[in-house]
Amino acid sequence: MTARKPRPKGVPLVAGVLLFAAVLVVLYWVMFFSGSGAVTNENWYIIFEQAFPAADAWLAITALLGCIGLLRRKPWGVLFTLLAGSASIFLGLMDVLFDLENRIYTHYFALAPGEVTTEIAINVLTLTLGPILIWYVWTRRESLL
């Protein structure tokens, strides 16, 4: 029987980030469907946002499974963390492009600064944490398996 490699440093932190992402997605949609958090109540914006729950649910599920899998040192933990990272990047890019095309960062900031600041924070988180998660698990995949 071969000895198991020591767990790489940072696994609890990465698992925490994954759990944080899953919880944040759920909280966002609870807020959105309770009537708060929307940048504007204009129909075109609401229609766009309502296209995201399924994709965001996928991100939350993959993040949660990645968290559990990494903590349990299961091969599927690496897989689901990679999937969560990729979903995060994809959703972030969709959001940023929409926000740029529809002047969310500029025009709507004056009308709803708190909501736009939240939108910017979500964009920054998805586009930084996604690549970091992918880099972390891919460069340590052998010791994580």
N, C-alpha and C. Protein backbone atom coordinates (compact mmCIF):
# COMPACT_ATOMS: atom_id res chain seq x y z
N MET A 1 0.85 -1.18 0.00
CA MET A 1 0.00 0.00 0.00
C MET A 1 0.89 1.24 0.00
N THR A 2 0.62 2.14 -0.94
CA THR A 2 1.41 3.36 -1.01
C THR A 2 0.88 4.40 -0.03
N ALA A 3 1.81 5.15 0.49
CA ALA A 3 1.42 6.19 1.45
C ALA A 3 0.72 7.33 0.71
N ARG A 4 -0.26 7.85 1.34
CA ARG A 4 -1.01 8.97 0.77
C ARG A 4 -0.18 10.24 0.89
N LYS A 5 -0.15 11.00 -0.20
CA LYS A 5 0.56 12.27 -0.18
C LYS A 5 -0.14 13.22 0.79
N PRO A 6 0.64 14.07 1.45
CA PRO A 6 0.00 15.04 2.34
C PRO A 6 -0.91 15.99 1.56
N ARG A 7 -1.99 16.40 2.22
CA ARG A 7 -2.92 17.32 1.57
C ARG A 7 -2.21 18.66 1.34
N PRO A 8 -2.37 19.24 0.15
CA PRO A 8 -1.73 20.54 -0.11
C PRO A 8 -2.26 21.61 0.83
N LYS A 9 -1.41 22.58 1.09
CA LYS A 9 -1.84 23.72 1.91
C LYS A 9 -2.95 24.46 1.18
N GLY A 10 -3.85 24.99 1.95
CA GLY A 10 -4.90 25.82 1.38
C GLY A 10 -6.20 25.12 1.07
N VAL A 11 -6.27 23.80 1.21
CA VAL A 11 -7.50 23.09 0.88
C VAL A 11 -8.69 23.60 1.70
N PRO A 12 -8.55 23.77 3.01
CA PRO A 12 -9.71 24.30 3.75
C PRO A 12 -10.13 25.70 3.27
N LEU A 13 -9.17 26.52 2.90
CA LEU A 13 -9.49 27.84 2.38
C LEU A 13 -10.25 27.74 1.06
N VAL A 14 -9.76 26.91 0.16
CA VAL A 14 -10.42 26.73 -1.14
C VAL A 14 -11.81 26.15 -0.94
N ALA A 15 -11.93 25.17 -0.04
CA ALA A 15 -13.25 24.60 0.25
C ALA A 15 -14.18 25.69 0.81
N GLY A 16 -13.64 26.55 1.64
CA GLY A 16 -14.43 27.66 2.18
C GLY A 16 -14.88 28.62 1.11
N VAL A 17 -14.01 28.90 0.15
CA VAL A 17 -14.37 29.78 -0.97
C VAL A 17 -15.49 29.15 -1.79
N LEU A 18 -15.40 27.85 -2.02
CA LEU A 18 -16.45 27.15 -2.76
C LEU A 18 -17.79 27.20 -2.01
N LEU A 19 -17.74 26.96 -0.73
CA LEU A 19 -18.96 27.03 0.08
C LEU A 19 -19.51 28.45 0.08
N PHE A 20 -18.64 29.44 0.23
CA PHE A 20 -19.04 30.84 0.19
C PHE A 20 -19.74 31.15 -1.13
N ALA A 21 -19.19 30.68 -2.24
CA ALA A 21 -19.79 30.92 -3.55
C ALA A 21 -21.19 30.32 -3.64
N ALA A 22 -21.33 29.09 -3.18
CA ALA A 22 -22.64 28.43 -3.23
C ALA A 22 -23.67 29.18 -2.40
N VAL A 23 -23.28 29.59 -1.21
CA VAL A 23 -24.19 30.32 -0.32
C VAL A 23 -24.53 31.69 -0.92
N LEU A 24 -23.53 32.37 -1.47
CA LEU A 24 -23.75 33.68 -2.06
C LEU A 24 -24.73 33.63 -3.22
N VAL A 25 -24.64 32.59 -4.04
CA VAL A 25 -25.56 32.44 -5.17
C VAL A 25 -26.99 32.30 -4.64
N VAL A 26 -27.18 31.47 -3.66
CA VAL A 26 -28.52 31.27 -3.08
C VAL A 26 -29.04 32.58 -2.48
N LEU A 27 -28.19 33.26 -1.72
CA LEU A 27 -28.60 34.54 -1.11
C LEU A 27 -28.97 35.58 -2.16
N TYR A 28 -28.21 35.62 -3.25
CA TYR A 28 -28.52 36.58 -4.31
C TYR A 28 -29.93 36.36 -4.84
N TRP A 29 -30.26 35.09 -5.12
CA TRP A 29 -31.57 34.82 -5.71
C TRP A 29 -32.70 34.99 -4.71
N VAL A 30 -32.45 34.73 -3.46
CA VAL A 30 -33.47 35.02 -2.44
C VAL A 30 -33.75 36.53 -2.42
N MET A 31 -32.68 37.32 -2.45
CA MET A 31 -32.85 38.78 -2.48
C MET A 31 -33.57 39.22 -3.76
N PHE A 32 -33.12 38.71 -4.89
CA PHE A 32 -33.69 39.14 -6.17
C PHE A 32 -35.18 38.83 -6.23
N PHE A 33 -35.56 37.61 -5.86
CA PHE A 33 -36.98 37.24 -5.97
C PHE A 33 -37.83 37.82 -4.84
N SER A 34 -37.18 38.36 -3.83
CA SER A 34 -37.95 39.06 -2.78
C SER A 34 -38.10 40.54 -3.12
N GLY A 35 -37.54 40.95 -4.26
CA GLY A 35 -37.75 42.31 -4.73
C GLY A 35 -36.63 43.27 -4.44
N SER A 36 -35.52 42.80 -3.89
CA SER A 36 -34.40 43.71 -3.64
C SER A 36 -33.18 43.25 -4.43
N GLY A 37 -32.26 44.16 -4.65
CA GLY A 37 -31.01 43.80 -5.32
C GLY A 37 -30.97 44.05 -6.80
N ALA A 38 -32.13 44.35 -7.43
CA ALA A 38 -32.13 44.62 -8.86
C ALA A 38 -31.58 46.01 -9.12
N VAL A 39 -30.76 46.12 -10.14
CA VAL A 39 -30.17 47.41 -10.52
C VAL A 39 -31.28 48.35 -11.00
N THR A 40 -32.24 47.81 -11.73
CA THR A 40 -33.39 48.56 -12.22
C THR A 40 -34.57 47.60 -12.35
N ASN A 41 -35.76 48.13 -12.32
CA ASN A 41 -36.95 47.29 -12.48
C ASN A 41 -37.47 47.33 -13.91
N GLU A 42 -36.65 47.86 -14.81
CA GLU A 42 -37.05 47.90 -16.22
C GLU A 42 -37.15 46.47 -16.75
N ASN A 43 -38.14 46.26 -17.62
CA ASN A 43 -38.46 44.92 -18.10
C ASN A 43 -37.28 44.21 -18.75
N TRP A 44 -36.49 44.90 -19.55
CA TRP A 44 -35.37 44.28 -20.25
C TRP A 44 -34.32 43.72 -19.27
N TYR A 45 -34.14 44.41 -18.15
CA TYR A 45 -33.17 43.97 -17.15
C TYR A 45 -33.69 42.75 -16.39
N ILE A 46 -34.95 42.80 -16.00
CA ILE A 46 -35.56 41.69 -15.26
C ILE A 46 -35.56 40.42 -16.12
N ILE A 47 -35.90 40.58 -17.40
CA ILE A 47 -35.90 39.42 -18.32
C ILE A 47 -34.50 38.81 -18.39
N PHE A 48 -33.47 39.65 -18.51
CA PHE A 48 -32.10 39.14 -18.56
C PHE A 48 -31.76 38.39 -17.28
N GLU A 49 -32.02 38.99 -16.14
CA GLU A 49 -31.70 38.37 -14.86
C GLU A 49 -32.44 37.05 -14.67
N GLN A 50 -33.67 36.98 -15.12
CA GLN A 50 -34.47 35.76 -14.94
C GLN A 50 -33.99 34.62 -15.82
N ALA A 51 -33.04 34.88 -16.71
CA ALA A 51 -32.45 33.82 -17.52
C ALA A 51 -31.33 33.10 -16.78
N PHE A 52 -30.93 33.58 -15.60
CA PHE A 52 -29.75 33.09 -14.91
C PHE A 52 -29.95 32.05 -13.80
N PRO A 53 -31.13 31.88 -13.22
CA PRO A 53 -31.21 30.97 -12.07
C PRO A 53 -30.70 29.55 -12.32
N ALA A 54 -30.99 28.98 -13.47
CA ALA A 54 -30.54 27.61 -13.73
C ALA A 54 -29.01 27.54 -13.82
N ALA A 55 -28.41 28.49 -14.53
CA ALA A 55 -26.95 28.51 -14.65
C ALA A 55 -26.30 28.79 -13.30
N ASP A 56 -26.88 29.70 -12.54
CA ASP A 56 -26.34 29.97 -11.21
C ASP A 56 -26.52 28.78 -10.27
N ALA A 57 -27.63 28.04 -10.44
CA ALA A 57 -27.82 26.83 -9.64
C ALA A 57 -26.72 25.81 -9.97
N TRP A 58 -26.35 25.72 -11.25
CA TRP A 58 -25.26 24.82 -11.65
C TRP A 58 -23.96 25.25 -10.96
N LEU A 59 -23.69 26.53 -10.94
CA LEU A 59 -22.49 27.02 -10.26
C LEU A 59 -22.54 26.65 -8.78
N ALA A 60 -23.68 26.87 -8.13
CA ALA A 60 -23.80 26.57 -6.70
C ALA A 60 -23.63 25.08 -6.42
N ILE A 61 -24.22 24.24 -7.26
CA ILE A 61 -24.12 22.79 -7.07
C ILE A 61 -22.68 22.31 -7.27
N THR A 62 -22.04 22.78 -8.34
CA THR A 62 -20.66 22.35 -8.59
C THR A 62 -19.73 22.86 -7.49
N ALA A 63 -19.97 24.07 -7.01
CA ALA A 63 -19.14 24.61 -5.92
C ALA A 63 -19.31 23.80 -4.65
N LEU A 64 -20.54 23.46 -4.32
CA LEU A 64 -20.80 22.68 -3.11
C LEU A 64 -20.19 21.28 -3.23
N LEU A 65 -20.34 20.65 -4.37
CA LEU A 65 -19.75 19.32 -4.57
C LEU A 65 -18.22 19.39 -4.59
N GLY A 66 -17.68 20.45 -5.17
CA GLY A 66 -16.22 20.64 -5.13
C GLY A 66 -15.73 20.78 -3.71
N CYS A 67 -16.42 21.56 -2.91
CA CYS A 67 -16.07 21.75 -1.50
C CYS A 67 -16.04 20.42 -0.76
N ILE A 68 -17.13 19.68 -0.87
CA ILE A 68 -17.23 18.38 -0.18
C ILE A 68 -16.16 17.42 -0.68
N GLY A 69 -16.00 17.34 -1.99
CA GLY A 69 -15.03 16.42 -2.58
C GLY A 69 -13.60 16.74 -2.20
N LEU A 70 -13.25 18.01 -2.18
CA LEU A 70 -11.88 18.38 -1.79
C LEU A 70 -11.62 18.02 -0.32
N LEU A 71 -12.59 18.32 0.54
CA LEU A 71 -12.40 18.01 1.96
C LEU A 71 -12.31 16.51 2.21
N ARG A 72 -13.00 15.72 1.39
CA ARG A 72 -12.98 14.26 1.54
C ARG A 72 -11.90 13.60 0.69
N ARG A 73 -11.16 14.40 -0.06
CA ARG A 73 -10.09 13.92 -0.94
C ARG A 73 -10.59 12.91 -1.97
N LYS A 74 -11.70 13.26 -2.56
CA LYS A 74 -12.30 12.43 -3.61
C LYS A 74 -11.92 13.00 -4.97
N PRO A 75 -11.67 12.15 -5.95
CA PRO A 75 -11.32 12.66 -7.29
C PRO A 75 -12.38 13.59 -7.86
N TRP A 76 -13.64 13.33 -7.57
CA TRP A 76 -14.70 14.19 -8.10
C TRP A 76 -14.66 15.59 -7.47
N GLY A 77 -13.95 15.76 -6.37
CA GLY A 77 -13.79 17.09 -5.79
C GLY A 77 -13.00 18.00 -6.72
N VAL A 78 -11.95 17.44 -7.33
CA VAL A 78 -11.15 18.19 -8.30
C VAL A 78 -12.02 18.52 -9.52
N LEU A 79 -12.74 17.52 -10.02
CA LEU A 79 -13.60 17.73 -11.18
C LEU A 79 -14.62 18.84 -10.93
N PHE A 80 -15.34 18.75 -9.82
CA PHE A 80 -16.39 19.74 -9.57
C PHE A 80 -15.82 21.12 -9.24
N THR A 81 -14.64 21.18 -8.69
CA THR A 81 -14.02 22.48 -8.48
C THR A 81 -13.64 23.11 -9.82
N LEU A 82 -13.11 22.31 -10.74
CA LEU A 82 -12.81 22.82 -12.08
C LEU A 82 -14.09 23.27 -12.78
N LEU A 83 -15.16 22.50 -12.63
CA LEU A 83 -16.43 22.89 -13.24
C LEU A 83 -16.96 24.19 -12.64
N ALA A 84 -16.86 24.32 -11.33
CA ALA A 84 -17.31 25.54 -10.65
C ALA A 84 -16.49 26.74 -11.11
N GLY A 85 -15.19 26.57 -11.22
CA GLY A 85 -14.34 27.65 -11.69
C GLY A 85 -14.70 28.09 -13.10
N SER A 86 -14.94 27.12 -13.96
CA SER A 86 -15.32 27.44 -15.33
C SER A 86 -16.69 28.11 -15.39
N ALA A 87 -17.65 27.59 -14.63
CA ALA A 87 -18.98 28.21 -14.58
C ALA A 87 -18.90 29.64 -14.08
N SER A 88 -18.04 29.87 -13.11
CA SER A 88 -17.86 31.21 -12.55
C SER A 88 -17.34 32.18 -13.62
N ILE A 89 -16.36 31.75 -14.37
CA ILE A 89 -15.81 32.60 -15.44
C ILE A 89 -16.86 32.87 -16.49
N PHE A 90 -17.56 31.84 -16.93
CA PHE A 90 -18.59 31.99 -17.95
C PHE A 90 -19.66 32.99 -17.51
N LEU A 91 -20.19 32.79 -16.31
CA LEU A 91 -21.24 33.68 -15.81
C LEU A 91 -20.72 35.11 -15.62
N GLY A 92 -19.50 35.24 -15.14
CA GLY A 92 -18.92 36.56 -14.98
C GLY A 92 -18.78 37.29 -16.31
N LEU A 93 -18.33 36.58 -17.33
CA LEU A 93 -18.17 37.19 -18.65
C LEU A 93 -19.52 37.60 -19.24
N MET A 94 -20.53 36.75 -19.08
CA MET A 94 -21.88 37.09 -19.56
C MET A 94 -22.38 38.36 -18.86
N ASP A 95 -22.20 38.41 -17.56
CA ASP A 95 -22.65 39.55 -16.77
C ASP A 95 -21.92 40.84 -17.16
N VAL A 96 -20.61 40.77 -17.26
CA VAL A 96 -19.82 41.97 -17.58
C VAL A 96 -20.18 42.50 -18.96
N LEU A 97 -20.29 41.62 -19.94
CA LEU A 97 -20.63 42.07 -21.29
C LEU A 97 -22.01 42.74 -21.30
N PHE A 98 -22.98 42.12 -20.63
CA PHE A 98 -24.31 42.72 -20.54
C PHE A 98 -24.24 44.09 -19.86
N ASP A 99 -23.51 44.15 -18.75
CA ASP A 99 -23.41 45.41 -18.00
C ASP A 99 -22.74 46.50 -18.83
N LEU A 100 -21.72 46.15 -19.58
CA LEU A 100 -21.06 47.15 -20.43
C LEU A 100 -21.97 47.60 -21.57
N GLU A 101 -22.62 46.65 -22.21
CA GLU A 101 -23.49 46.99 -23.33
C GLU A 101 -24.70 47.84 -22.91
N ASN A 102 -25.12 47.70 -21.66
CA ASN A 102 -26.31 48.39 -21.20
C ASN A 102 -26.02 49.50 -20.19
N ARG A 103 -24.77 49.91 -20.13
CA ARG A 103 -24.33 51.04 -19.30
C ARG A 103 -24.72 50.89 -17.83
N ILE A 104 -24.68 49.66 -17.34
CA ILE A 104 -25.02 49.42 -15.93
C ILE A 104 -24.01 50.11 -15.02
N TYR A 105 -22.73 50.03 -15.36
CA TYR A 105 -21.69 50.60 -14.51
C TYR A 105 -21.71 52.13 -14.48
N THR A 106 -22.17 52.72 -15.56
CA THR A 106 -22.11 54.19 -15.63
C THR A 106 -23.47 54.82 -15.36
N HIS A 107 -24.41 54.63 -16.24
CA HIS A 107 -25.72 55.27 -16.13
C HIS A 107 -26.47 54.85 -14.85
N TYR A 108 -26.50 53.58 -14.55
CA TYR A 108 -27.31 53.10 -13.43
C TYR A 108 -26.62 53.26 -12.08
N PHE A 109 -25.33 53.53 -12.08
CA PHE A 109 -24.64 53.75 -10.81
C PHE A 109 -25.23 54.97 -10.09
N ALA A 110 -25.56 55.99 -10.84
CA ALA A 110 -26.15 57.20 -10.24
C ALA A 110 -27.55 56.92 -9.69
N LEU A 111 -28.27 55.97 -10.30
CA LEU A 111 -29.64 55.68 -9.89
C LEU A 111 -29.72 54.65 -8.76
N ALA A 112 -28.79 53.72 -8.73
CA ALA A 112 -28.82 52.65 -7.73
C ALA A 112 -27.39 52.27 -7.36
N PRO A 113 -26.68 53.14 -6.64
CA PRO A 113 -25.26 52.88 -6.36
C PRO A 113 -25.01 51.60 -5.57
N GLY A 114 -25.85 51.28 -4.61
CA GLY A 114 -25.67 50.06 -3.82
C GLY A 114 -25.80 48.81 -4.67
N GLU A 115 -26.82 48.78 -5.51
CA GLU A 115 -27.06 47.62 -6.38
C GLU A 115 -25.95 47.47 -7.42
N VAL A 116 -25.50 48.59 -7.98
CA VAL A 116 -24.43 48.52 -8.98
C VAL A 116 -23.12 48.11 -8.32
N THR A 117 -22.87 48.59 -7.11
CA THR A 117 -21.67 48.17 -6.38
C THR A 117 -21.71 46.67 -6.12
N THR A 118 -22.87 46.15 -5.76
CA THR A 118 -23.03 44.70 -5.58
C THR A 118 -22.76 43.97 -6.89
N GLU A 119 -23.28 44.50 -7.99
CA GLU A 119 -23.05 43.91 -9.31
C GLU A 119 -21.56 43.87 -9.64
N ILE A 120 -20.87 44.96 -9.37
CA ILE A 120 -19.43 45.02 -9.64
C ILE A 120 -18.69 44.00 -8.76
N ALA A 121 -19.07 43.90 -7.50
CA ALA A 121 -18.43 42.92 -6.60
C ALA A 121 -18.64 41.50 -7.11
N ILE A 122 -19.84 41.20 -7.58
CA ILE A 122 -20.12 39.87 -8.14
C ILE A 122 -19.25 39.62 -9.36
N ASN A 123 -19.15 40.63 -10.24
CA ASN A 123 -18.31 40.50 -11.44
C ASN A 123 -16.86 40.24 -11.08
N VAL A 124 -16.34 41.00 -10.12
CA VAL A 124 -14.94 40.83 -9.70
C VAL A 124 -14.74 39.45 -9.09
N LEU A 125 -15.65 39.03 -8.23
CA LEU A 125 -15.52 37.71 -7.59
C LEU A 125 -15.55 36.58 -8.61
N THR A 126 -16.51 36.62 -9.53
CA THR A 126 -16.61 35.52 -10.50
C THR A 126 -15.39 35.45 -11.41
N LEU A 127 -14.88 36.63 -11.78
CA LEU A 127 -13.76 36.64 -12.73
C LEU A 127 -12.39 36.49 -12.08
N THR A 128 -12.32 36.57 -10.77
CA THR A 128 -11.03 36.32 -10.11
C THR A 128 -11.03 34.95 -9.43
N LEU A 129 -12.11 34.62 -8.73
CA LEU A 129 -12.12 33.35 -8.02
C LEU A 129 -12.18 32.15 -8.96
N GLY A 130 -12.89 32.28 -10.08
CA GLY A 130 -12.96 31.18 -11.05
C GLY A 130 -11.57 30.76 -11.51
N PRO A 131 -10.77 31.67 -12.06
CA PRO A 131 -9.42 31.28 -12.48
C PRO A 131 -8.53 30.80 -11.34
N ILE A 132 -8.67 31.40 -10.16
CA ILE A 132 -7.86 30.98 -9.01
C ILE A 132 -8.21 29.55 -8.62
N LEU A 133 -9.50 29.22 -8.59
CA LEU A 133 -9.90 27.85 -8.26
C LEU A 133 -9.34 26.86 -9.27
N ILE A 134 -9.47 27.18 -10.54
CA ILE A 134 -8.95 26.29 -11.59
C ILE A 134 -7.44 26.12 -11.44
N TRP A 135 -6.73 27.20 -11.28
CA TRP A 135 -5.28 27.13 -11.12
C TRP A 135 -4.91 26.30 -9.90
N TYR A 136 -5.57 26.54 -8.78
CA TYR A 136 -5.22 25.85 -7.54
C TYR A 136 -5.40 24.34 -7.69
N VAL A 137 -6.57 23.88 -8.12
CA VAL A 137 -6.78 22.43 -8.17
C VAL A 137 -5.99 21.78 -9.30
N TRP A 138 -5.83 22.47 -10.41
CA TRP A 138 -5.10 21.85 -11.52
C TRP A 138 -3.62 21.68 -11.19
N THR A 139 -3.03 22.67 -10.56
CA THR A 139 -1.60 22.58 -10.26
C THR A 139 -1.32 21.64 -9.09
N ARG A 140 -2.35 21.24 -8.36
CA ARG A 140 -2.18 20.35 -7.22
C ARG A 140 -2.99 19.05 -7.38
N ARG A 141 -3.44 18.79 -8.58
CA ARG A 141 -4.36 17.67 -8.81
C ARG A 141 -3.82 16.33 -8.35
N GLU A 142 -2.53 16.09 -8.55
CA GLU A 142 -1.97 14.79 -8.16
C GLU A 142 -2.01 14.59 -6.66
N SER A 143 -1.72 15.62 -5.89
CA SER A 143 -1.75 15.46 -4.43
C SER A 143 -3.16 15.59 -3.87
N LEU A 144 -4.09 16.10 -4.66
CA LEU A 144 -5.48 16.19 -4.21
C LEU A 144 -6.23 14.88 -4.45
N LEU A 145 -5.72 14.07 -5.37
CA LEU A 145 -6.42 12.81 -5.71
C LEU A 145 -6.03 11.69 -4.77
